[in-house]
Structure formats: structure tokens, C-alpha cells
Amino acid sequence: MNVPMRYRLAISDKAREQLRALPKEQRRQIGLRLEWLCDGLQGDIKKLSDTKNRYRLRVGSFRVLFTLEAERVDVYAVRDRKEAYE
């Protein structure tokens, strides 16, 4: 049986500030999706076309932007979809 890889989560200070600014329900949803992400890269994930290891996780109208480094997910931004790619 194939066991999915478990990733470690690192959240930048900037992303933490962005998370704190969100309503409690949105933070809860994003936290749940980050758990899924770390548990074998599950969720609505898309590779960003402009770089080699940058990705986005869609959580409703929000985008969690992250990079993958070996066994670590590095979240660098959490933004509304309208401003996520600026």
C-alpha cells in the first residue's frame, strides 16, 4: 500500500499577518485546506506558470501561494483571488 508523503508547513510572517486579517471562518477553512495540503498535496492546487516551484491552493475566493522545497510547504502569501497574482 502506498502511504502519501507528509509535508512540513512553514508560514512566512507576511502570510501570518494576512491570515490574521481574515474573518474567523475563512481562517478555519484555510487551516483545514493547509492540513490537506500537508497530507500528500491534496486540494485544488495549480502550478504557477511563471516559475519553477511556485504553486497556489484555491480556498473559495482566496489563494494560498506557496513553494515546495523537498518535504516542506512554504506559504508566502494568502490573498483574495482579485489581488493574488499582482
Protein backbone atom coordinates (compact mmCIF):
# COMPACT_ATOMS: atom_id res chain seq x y z
CA MET A 1 0.00 0.00 0.00
CA ASN A 2 1.27 3.46 -0.92
CA VAL A 3 1.36 5.91 2.01
CA PRO A 4 1.06 9.59 0.96
CA MET A 5 4.00 11.81 1.81
CA ARG A 6 3.56 14.16 4.77
CA TYR A 7 4.92 17.68 4.26
CA ARG A 8 6.08 20.13 6.93
CA LEU A 9 4.39 23.53 6.88
CA ALA A 10 6.23 26.85 7.14
CA ILE A 11 4.25 30.11 7.05
CA SER A 12 6.04 33.43 6.50
CA ASP A 13 5.42 36.38 8.83
CA LYS A 14 3.73 38.25 5.98
CA ALA A 15 1.35 35.34 5.30
CA ARG A 16 0.57 35.10 9.05
CA GLU A 17 -0.42 38.79 9.06
CA GLN A 18 -2.63 38.24 6.03
CA LEU A 19 -4.28 35.26 7.73
CA ARG A 20 -4.91 37.20 10.95
CA ALA A 21 -6.70 39.92 8.95
CA LEU A 22 -9.28 37.41 7.65
CA PRO A 23 -12.60 36.54 9.30
CA LYS A 24 -12.50 33.54 11.65
CA GLU A 25 -14.48 31.23 9.31
CA GLN A 26 -12.11 31.92 6.38
CA ARG A 27 -9.08 31.25 8.61
CA ARG A 28 -10.64 27.96 9.70
CA GLN A 29 -11.27 26.90 6.09
CA ILE A 30 -7.74 27.82 5.03
CA GLY A 31 -6.31 25.96 8.05
CA LEU A 32 -8.26 22.85 7.08
CA ARG A 33 -7.06 23.03 3.48
CA LEU A 34 -3.47 23.53 4.64
CA GLU A 35 -3.82 20.30 6.65
CA TRP A 36 -4.93 18.52 3.46
CA LEU A 37 -2.09 20.13 1.53
CA CYS A 38 0.49 18.85 4.02
CA ASP A 39 -1.10 15.41 3.98
CA GLY A 40 0.00 14.41 0.50
CA LEU A 41 -0.62 17.60 -1.52
CA GLN A 42 -4.39 17.27 -1.61
CA GLY A 43 -6.68 20.09 -2.72
CA ASP A 44 -7.19 22.44 -5.65
CA ILE A 45 -3.52 23.04 -6.39
CA LYS A 46 -2.14 24.60 -9.55
CA LYS A 47 1.44 25.24 -10.59
CA LEU A 48 2.04 28.90 -11.41
CA SER A 49 3.32 29.25 -14.95
CA ASP A 50 5.89 31.99 -14.34
CA THR A 51 8.28 30.00 -12.12
CA LYS A 52 9.54 26.51 -11.50
CA ASN A 53 8.38 25.71 -7.94
CA ARG A 54 5.61 28.19 -7.07
CA TYR A 55 2.05 26.97 -6.61
CA ARG A 56 -1.34 28.16 -5.49
CA LEU A 57 -4.02 26.48 -3.39
CA ARG A 58 -7.56 27.67 -4.03
CA VAL A 59 -9.77 28.05 -0.95
CA GLY A 60 -13.02 29.70 -2.03
CA SER A 61 -12.17 33.21 -3.22
CA PHE A 62 -8.77 33.12 -1.52
CA ARG A 63 -5.44 31.88 -2.86
CA VAL A 64 -2.72 30.43 -0.67
CA LEU A 65 0.57 30.95 -2.52
CA PHE A 66 3.41 28.59 -1.66
CA THR A 67 6.62 26.96 -2.79
CA LEU A 68 7.64 23.33 -2.46
CA GLU A 69 11.10 22.58 -1.11
CA ALA A 70 11.82 18.85 -0.62
CA GLU A 71 9.43 17.84 2.20
CA ARG A 72 8.37 21.39 3.12
CA VAL A 73 5.50 23.63 2.03
CA ASP A 74 6.49 27.31 2.40
CA VAL A 75 3.44 29.60 2.41
CA TYR A 76 4.44 33.13 1.43
CA ALA A 77 1.05 34.82 0.83
CA VAL A 78 -2.68 34.46 1.47
CA ARG A 79 -4.72 36.81 -0.70
CA ASP A 80 -8.10 37.36 -2.28
CA ARG A 81 -8.13 35.99 -5.83
CA LYS A 82 -8.55 39.50 -7.29
CA GLU A 83 -5.14 40.59 -5.99
CA ALA A 84 -3.30 37.29 -5.60
CA TYR A 85 -1.22 37.45 -8.78
CA GLU A 86 -0.25 41.12 -8.84
